[in-house]
């Protein structure tokens, strides 16, 4: 009888751990107070790549804060199934190009079911969520698919990547694996 109870407790603990591993964190766990900012001048000298993408960055800066309280997250295409992203600090115009955002893509990846947080912004097509998902009042950002050029690497993992924006870089807080379906 004792062995049966112990086995039952261990089974419940195991299944609870597996379920927890597949539960995405919530945007509300990484709150940020949204600041009202005036139009910011992009500091093109703050990063070596900023001047190359000056038009995209300046256009995004006009739209205002959309990420992590006082930041502007913006992206643009860089080829088939590829997008490049940058973060602008709306307080001082400083630009950041986190390596995880350099060539994100979601093709050739079967994303996990229910891989987005319950409090994620509504997706146009839930079966094919946006490659990058974020909110103005949260420091969390989700990359669906491959991070930073991973699409072209044979051993790259695809899935839902959850990052916290620290103010200068991305820190991975969770990964829920998807299934790579093909290579380009």
Protein backbone atom coordinates (compact mmCIF):
# COMPACT_ATOMS: atom_id res chain seq x y z
CA UNK A 1 0.00 0.00 0.00
CA UNK A 2 2.83 2.40 0.90
CA UNK A 3 4.51 1.74 -2.44
CA UNK A 4 1.26 2.47 -4.30
CA UNK A 5 0.85 5.82 -2.54
CA UNK A 6 4.47 6.78 -3.18
CA UNK A 7 4.13 5.80 -6.85
CA UNK A 8 0.93 7.83 -7.14
CA UNK A 9 2.56 10.91 -5.55
CA UNK A 10 5.58 10.61 -7.83
CA UNK A 11 3.34 10.26 -10.90
CA UNK A 12 1.34 13.35 -9.99
CA UNK A 13 4.54 15.32 -9.36
CA UNK A 14 5.99 14.19 -12.69
CA UNK A 15 2.90 15.16 -14.70
CA UNK A 16 2.65 18.49 -12.89
CA UNK A 17 6.29 19.24 -13.78
CA UNK A 18 5.70 18.34 -17.44
CA UNK A 19 2.57 20.52 -17.59
CA UNK A 20 4.42 23.41 -15.96
CA UNK A 21 7.26 23.15 -18.48
CA UNK A 22 4.77 23.69 -21.30
CA UNK A 23 2.92 26.63 -19.69
CA UNK A 24 4.02 29.94 -21.19
CA UNK A 25 4.81 32.82 -18.84
CA UNK A 26 2.33 35.71 -18.86
CA UNK A 27 3.02 39.22 -20.06
CA UNK A 28 1.59 40.43 -16.74
CA UNK A 29 4.52 38.79 -14.91
CA UNK A 30 6.82 41.40 -16.51
CA UNK A 31 4.87 44.62 -16.09
CA UNK A 32 6.15 48.01 -17.15
CA UNK A 33 4.49 51.37 -16.60
CA UNK A 34 3.78 52.97 -19.99
CA UNK A 35 5.24 56.46 -20.25
CA UNK A 36 3.83 59.21 -22.40
CA UNK A 37 6.76 60.49 -24.42
CA UNK A 38 7.09 63.15 -27.05
CA UNK A 39 8.56 62.32 -30.42
CA UNK A 40 12.10 61.10 -29.95
CA UNK A 41 15.07 61.76 -32.21
CA UNK A 42 16.75 58.46 -33.05
CA UNK A 43 20.42 58.45 -32.04
CA UNK A 44 21.97 56.99 -35.19
CA UNK A 45 25.41 56.94 -33.55
CA UNK A 46 24.28 54.73 -30.68
CA UNK A 47 24.71 51.48 -32.67
CA UNK A 48 26.84 50.62 -35.69
CA UNK A 49 23.77 49.39 -37.66
CA UNK A 50 21.43 52.28 -36.81
CA UNK A 51 22.34 54.51 -39.76
CA UNK A 52 21.78 51.64 -42.22
CA UNK A 53 18.15 51.34 -41.04
CA UNK A 54 17.57 55.05 -40.30
CA UNK A 55 14.34 55.37 -42.30
CA UNK A 56 12.69 52.40 -40.55
CA UNK A 57 13.89 53.59 -37.15
CA UNK A 58 12.76 57.19 -37.68
CA UNK A 59 9.34 56.10 -38.92
CA UNK A 60 8.90 53.83 -35.89
CA UNK A 61 9.97 56.60 -33.51
CA UNK A 62 7.11 58.75 -34.81
CA UNK A 63 4.62 56.05 -33.77
CA UNK A 64 5.62 56.23 -30.11
CA UNK A 65 6.04 53.75 -27.26
CA UNK A 66 4.77 50.23 -27.94
CA UNK A 67 6.99 48.03 -25.75
CA UNK A 68 8.25 47.72 -22.17
CA UNK A 69 6.98 51.07 -20.91
CA UNK A 70 9.28 53.49 -22.71
CA UNK A 71 10.66 51.60 -25.68
CA UNK A 72 9.74 51.28 -29.32
CA UNK A 73 10.05 47.82 -30.88
CA UNK A 74 10.11 47.84 -34.65
CA UNK A 75 10.75 45.31 -37.38
CA UNK A 76 11.10 45.05 -41.14
CA UNK A 77 11.58 42.34 -43.72
CA UNK A 78 15.02 41.02 -44.60
CA UNK A 79 14.07 38.39 -47.18
CA UNK A 80 11.74 35.42 -47.44
CA UNK A 81 10.62 34.30 -43.99
CA UNK A 82 13.01 36.77 -42.36
CA UNK A 83 12.52 39.84 -40.22
CA UNK A 84 15.00 42.15 -38.52
CA UNK A 85 14.04 43.96 -35.30
CA UNK A 86 15.41 46.82 -33.24
CA UNK A 87 14.55 48.53 -29.97
CA UNK A 88 14.59 52.31 -29.53
CA UNK A 89 14.67 53.91 -26.08
CA UNK A 90 12.02 56.66 -26.28
CA UNK A 91 13.74 58.59 -23.47
CA UNK A 92 17.02 59.19 -25.28
CA UNK A 93 16.79 57.74 -28.82
CA UNK A 94 19.39 55.03 -28.21
CA UNK A 95 19.02 52.04 -30.55
CA UNK A 96 19.59 48.38 -29.68
CA UNK A 97 19.87 45.45 -32.09
CA UNK A 98 19.68 42.29 -29.93
CA UNK A 99 21.21 39.29 -31.72
CA UNK A 100 18.03 37.28 -31.08
CA UNK A 101 16.18 39.70 -33.40
CA UNK A 102 18.69 39.48 -36.28
CA UNK A 103 16.84 37.38 -38.85
CA UNK A 104 13.86 35.91 -36.99
CA UNK A 105 11.55 33.60 -38.90
CA UNK A 106 8.76 31.12 -38.30
CA UNK A 107 8.63 29.10 -41.50
CA UNK A 108 9.60 25.43 -41.40
CA UNK A 109 8.45 25.21 -37.77
CA UNK A 110 5.36 23.63 -36.31
CA UNK A 111 4.76 25.79 -33.24
CA UNK A 112 3.49 24.21 -30.00
CA UNK A 113 -0.25 24.27 -29.35
CA UNK A 114 -1.22 27.02 -26.89
CA UNK A 115 2.34 28.33 -26.99
CA UNK A 116 1.36 31.95 -26.43
CA UNK A 117 0.45 33.41 -23.03
CA UNK A 118 -3.26 33.75 -22.23
CA UNK A 119 -2.79 37.52 -21.99
CA UNK A 120 -1.04 37.87 -25.37
CA UNK A 121 -2.41 40.38 -27.88
CA UNK A 122 -5.05 38.88 -30.17
CA UNK A 123 -3.44 37.26 -33.21
CA UNK A 124 -4.88 37.70 -36.69
CA UNK A 125 -4.46 33.97 -37.35
CA UNK A 126 -3.88 32.02 -34.11
CA UNK A 127 -2.58 29.02 -36.07
CA UNK A 128 0.20 31.25 -37.49
CA UNK A 129 0.99 33.84 -34.80
CA UNK A 130 3.12 36.91 -35.44
CA UNK A 131 6.83 36.14 -35.42
CA UNK A 132 7.36 38.67 -32.61
CA UNK A 133 4.65 39.28 -30.00
CA UNK A 134 4.88 42.07 -27.42
CA UNK A 135 2.88 44.62 -25.42
CA UNK A 136 3.47 48.23 -24.44
CA UNK A 137 2.98 47.49 -20.73
CA UNK A 138 5.26 44.45 -20.50
CA UNK A 139 9.01 43.78 -20.65
CA UNK A 140 8.34 40.32 -22.10
CA UNK A 141 8.61 39.58 -25.80
CA UNK A 142 7.93 36.28 -27.57
CA UNK A 143 9.70 35.08 -30.70
CA UNK A 144 7.71 32.37 -32.48
CA UNK A 145 9.88 30.17 -34.67
CA UNK A 146 13.61 30.72 -34.92
CA UNK A 147 15.74 33.40 -33.28
CA UNK A 148 18.53 35.35 -34.92
CA UNK A 149 19.19 33.57 -38.20
CA UNK A 150 18.47 30.12 -36.77
CA UNK A 151 16.29 29.22 -39.71
CA UNK A 152 19.39 28.62 -41.79
CA UNK A 153 21.18 26.50 -39.18
CA UNK A 154 20.49 22.77 -39.39
CA UNK A 155 20.70 22.25 -35.62
CA UNK A 156 18.69 25.34 -34.61
CA UNK A 157 15.69 24.78 -32.36
CA UNK A 158 12.32 26.22 -33.26
CA UNK A 159 9.44 26.99 -30.94
CA UNK A 160 8.26 29.76 -28.65
CA UNK A 161 11.11 31.78 -27.14
CA UNK A 162 10.21 33.99 -24.18
CA UNK A 163 12.53 36.88 -23.33
CA UNK A 164 12.59 39.66 -20.78
CA UNK A 165 13.89 43.03 -21.97
CA UNK A 166 16.35 44.29 -19.34
CA UNK A 167 16.63 47.79 -20.80
CA UNK A 168 19.73 46.95 -22.85
CA UNK A 169 19.41 43.30 -23.88
CA UNK A 170 17.12 40.28 -24.04
CA UNK A 171 17.30 37.62 -21.32
CA UNK A 172 15.68 34.28 -22.15
CA UNK A 173 13.19 33.19 -19.49
CA UNK A 174 11.62 30.15 -21.19
CA UNK A 175 11.55 28.04 -24.34
CA UNK A 176 8.75 25.74 -25.46
CA UNK A 177 9.99 23.52 -28.25
CA UNK A 178 8.22 23.23 -31.57
CA UNK A 179 8.99 20.80 -34.37
CA UNK A 180 11.20 21.69 -37.30
CA UNK A 181 9.36 20.58 -40.44
CA UNK A 182 11.94 21.32 -43.12
CA UNK A 183 14.99 23.39 -44.00
CA UNK A 184 15.19 26.21 -46.57
